[in-house]
Amino acid sequence: MRDRLDHLTSPSSSGSQTSSAARLLRARGEVPVPLLRVSVDNSGPESVVRVSGEMDLSNSQLLHDAVPDESPVSRPDAIVDLTDLTFCDATGITALLAVRRRLEQGRRAVSVRGLQPPVVRLMRVAGVDGELDLDAPAVSA
C-alpha cells in the first residue's frame, strides 16, 4: 500500500492552516486555491518529497512538517522534487536547506531535483547554490 502524506495550505498572513480570507471565500461559496502542496511518497526505494506551488513565509513550515526526522530502514535516501515549485522566497530556501541538513544529520542521502530557473537564480543570489546540485534533473513520475 502506498504510504502518502499530503499537506495543503491556503493564503494566510499568520501561517495558520486556514486564514480568515479562506474562511470568507468558503462562506461566499468560493474555494481558496492552495499556495503550497507537499507530498511524501514512500512507495519506492527512496522517499520522494514533491513540493509544488508557491513556498514563502506563510507556508514553508509545511515542508518541515511533511518530512519526518527518522527514515524507514527500507528507504534510507530521500529526493526532494521541486519540479512544480513555481515561487520560492528566502524563507522557503531556508526551509529547504534546513530539511536537507536535518536529513543528512540522520545519515540519509538527500538530493534536490527539478529546480526551476527563478528558484536557481534566487539561490545563486543568496549564495547557497553550492549547497545543492542546481542542475539535477527532475524525478520521473
Protein backbone atom coordinates (compact mmCIF):
# COMPACT_ATOMS: atom_id res chain seq x y z
CA MET A 1 0.00 0.00 0.00
CA ARG A 2 1.25 3.43 -0.83
CA ASP A 3 2.39 5.47 2.16
CA ARG A 4 1.48 9.03 1.28
CA LEU A 5 1.00 12.25 3.19
CA ASP A 6 -0.38 15.44 1.65
CA HIS A 7 -0.34 18.88 3.22
CA LEU A 8 -2.23 21.88 1.89
CA THR A 9 -2.36 25.45 2.99
CA SER A 10 -4.40 28.45 1.96
CA PRO A 11 -3.28 32.08 1.87
CA SER A 12 -2.53 33.34 5.34
CA SER A 13 -0.52 36.15 6.84
CA SER A 14 -0.25 34.33 10.15
CA GLY A 15 0.88 30.98 8.74
CA SER A 16 -2.20 29.20 10.06
CA GLN A 17 -3.73 26.38 8.02
CA THR A 18 -6.98 28.24 7.29
CA SER A 19 -6.85 32.01 7.13
CA SER A 20 -9.73 34.40 7.64
CA ALA A 21 -9.56 35.16 3.90
CA ALA A 22 -10.01 31.44 3.14
CA ARG A 23 -12.97 31.23 5.52
CA LEU A 24 -14.55 34.28 3.84
CA LEU A 25 -14.12 32.71 0.39
CA ARG A 26 -15.76 29.50 1.61
CA ALA A 27 -18.65 31.47 3.13
CA ARG A 28 -19.25 33.03 -0.29
CA GLY A 29 -19.20 29.58 -1.92
CA GLU A 30 -15.75 30.08 -3.44
CA VAL A 31 -12.84 27.71 -2.94
CA PRO A 32 -9.44 29.13 -1.91
CA VAL A 33 -6.52 27.94 -4.03
CA PRO A 34 -3.77 26.22 -2.04
CA LEU A 35 -0.45 28.03 -2.26
CA LEU A 36 1.71 25.04 -1.44
CA ARG A 37 1.39 21.30 -1.67
CA VAL A 38 3.91 18.90 -0.16
CA SER A 39 3.53 15.17 -0.66
CA VAL A 40 5.75 12.36 0.58
CA ASP A 41 5.81 9.10 -1.36
CA ASN A 42 7.50 6.14 0.33
CA SER A 43 6.35 3.53 -2.20
CA GLY A 44 9.72 3.22 -3.97
CA PRO A 45 13.30 2.55 -2.88
CA GLU A 46 13.67 6.21 -1.87
CA SER A 47 11.39 8.67 -0.16
CA VAL A 48 10.28 11.29 -2.70
CA VAL A 49 9.15 14.65 -1.33
CA ARG A 50 7.29 16.58 -4.04
CA VAL A 51 6.82 20.29 -3.48
CA SER A 52 4.50 22.26 -5.74
CA GLY A 53 3.05 25.74 -5.82
CA GLU A 54 4.45 28.76 -4.01
CA MET A 55 6.60 28.46 -0.88
CA ASP A 56 7.03 31.52 1.29
CA LEU A 57 6.92 32.74 4.89
CA SER A 58 3.24 31.85 5.24
CA ASN A 59 3.65 28.15 4.48
CA SER A 60 7.29 26.99 4.48
CA GLN A 61 6.67 25.19 7.78
CA LEU A 62 4.68 22.62 5.78
CA LEU A 63 7.94 21.31 4.30
CA HIS A 64 9.38 20.83 7.81
CA ASP A 65 6.19 19.11 8.98
CA ALA A 66 5.92 16.76 5.99
CA VAL A 67 9.45 15.33 6.25
CA PRO A 68 9.98 13.06 9.26
CA ASP A 69 13.26 13.15 11.20
CA GLU A 70 13.65 9.39 11.04
CA SER A 71 13.81 7.34 7.90
CA PRO A 72 12.31 3.90 7.49
CA VAL A 73 15.14 1.38 7.31
CA SER A 74 13.97 0.27 3.85
CA ARG A 75 14.18 3.84 2.48
CA PRO A 76 17.38 5.45 3.68
CA ASP A 77 17.59 8.03 0.89
CA ALA A 78 15.39 10.99 0.08
CA ILE A 79 14.75 13.01 -3.08
CA VAL A 80 13.19 16.48 -2.87
CA ASP A 81 11.46 17.16 -6.20
CA LEU A 82 10.88 20.87 -6.88
CA THR A 83 9.75 20.50 -10.50
CA ASP A 84 6.36 22.08 -9.76
CA LEU A 85 7.58 24.75 -7.33
CA THR A 86 6.67 28.00 -9.10
CA PHE A 87 7.82 30.51 -6.48
CA CYS A 88 10.14 30.42 -3.52
CA ASP A 89 11.29 33.27 -1.30
CA ALA A 90 14.27 33.33 1.07
CA THR A 91 12.18 31.70 3.81
CA GLY A 92 11.41 28.79 1.51
CA ILE A 93 15.08 28.34 0.65
CA THR A 94 15.94 28.41 4.35
CA ALA A 95 13.32 25.71 4.99
CA LEU A 96 14.62 23.59 2.12
CA LEU A 97 18.22 23.81 3.36
CA ALA A 98 17.15 23.09 6.96
CA VAL A 99 15.26 19.95 5.91
CA ARG A 100 18.22 18.81 3.79
CA ARG A 101 20.64 19.33 6.70
CA ARG A 102 18.32 17.56 9.14
CA LEU A 103 18.01 14.52 6.89
CA GLU A 104 21.76 14.40 6.25
CA GLN A 105 22.41 14.53 10.01
CA GLY A 106 20.24 11.42 10.24
CA ARG A 107 22.64 9.78 7.76
CA ARG A 108 20.19 9.98 4.87
CA ALA A 109 21.46 10.79 1.41
CA VAL A 110 19.43 13.72 0.09
CA SER A 111 19.22 15.06 -3.43
CA VAL A 112 17.19 18.00 -4.72
CA ARG A 113 15.81 17.75 -8.25
CA GLY A 114 13.88 19.82 -10.75
CA LEU A 115 14.82 23.33 -9.64
CA GLN A 116 13.15 25.94 -11.85
CA PRO A 117 15.23 28.87 -13.22
CA PRO A 118 13.72 31.56 -10.93
CA VAL A 119 14.49 29.44 -7.84
CA VAL A 120 18.01 28.72 -9.14
CA ARG A 121 18.61 32.47 -9.63
CA LEU A 122 17.42 33.22 -6.10
CA MET A 123 19.71 30.53 -4.67
CA ARG A 124 22.67 31.93 -6.59
CA VAL A 125 21.94 35.47 -5.40
CA ALA A 126 21.59 34.17 -1.83
CA GLY A 127 24.94 32.38 -2.16
CA VAL A 128 23.60 28.91 -1.29
CA ASP A 129 23.89 27.40 -4.76
CA GLY A 130 26.97 25.42 -3.67
CA GLU A 131 24.89 23.50 -1.13
CA LEU A 132 22.64 21.88 -3.75
CA ASP A 133 23.12 20.38 -7.20
CA LEU A 134 21.29 23.07 -9.16
CA ASP A 135 21.48 21.25 -12.50
CA ALA A 136 19.96 17.97 -11.31
CA PRO A 137 17.07 16.66 -13.44
CA ALA A 138 13.53 16.19 -12.21
CA VAL A 139 12.28 12.91 -10.79
CA SER A 140 10.43 10.79 -13.31
CA ALA A 141 6.88 10.06 -12.22
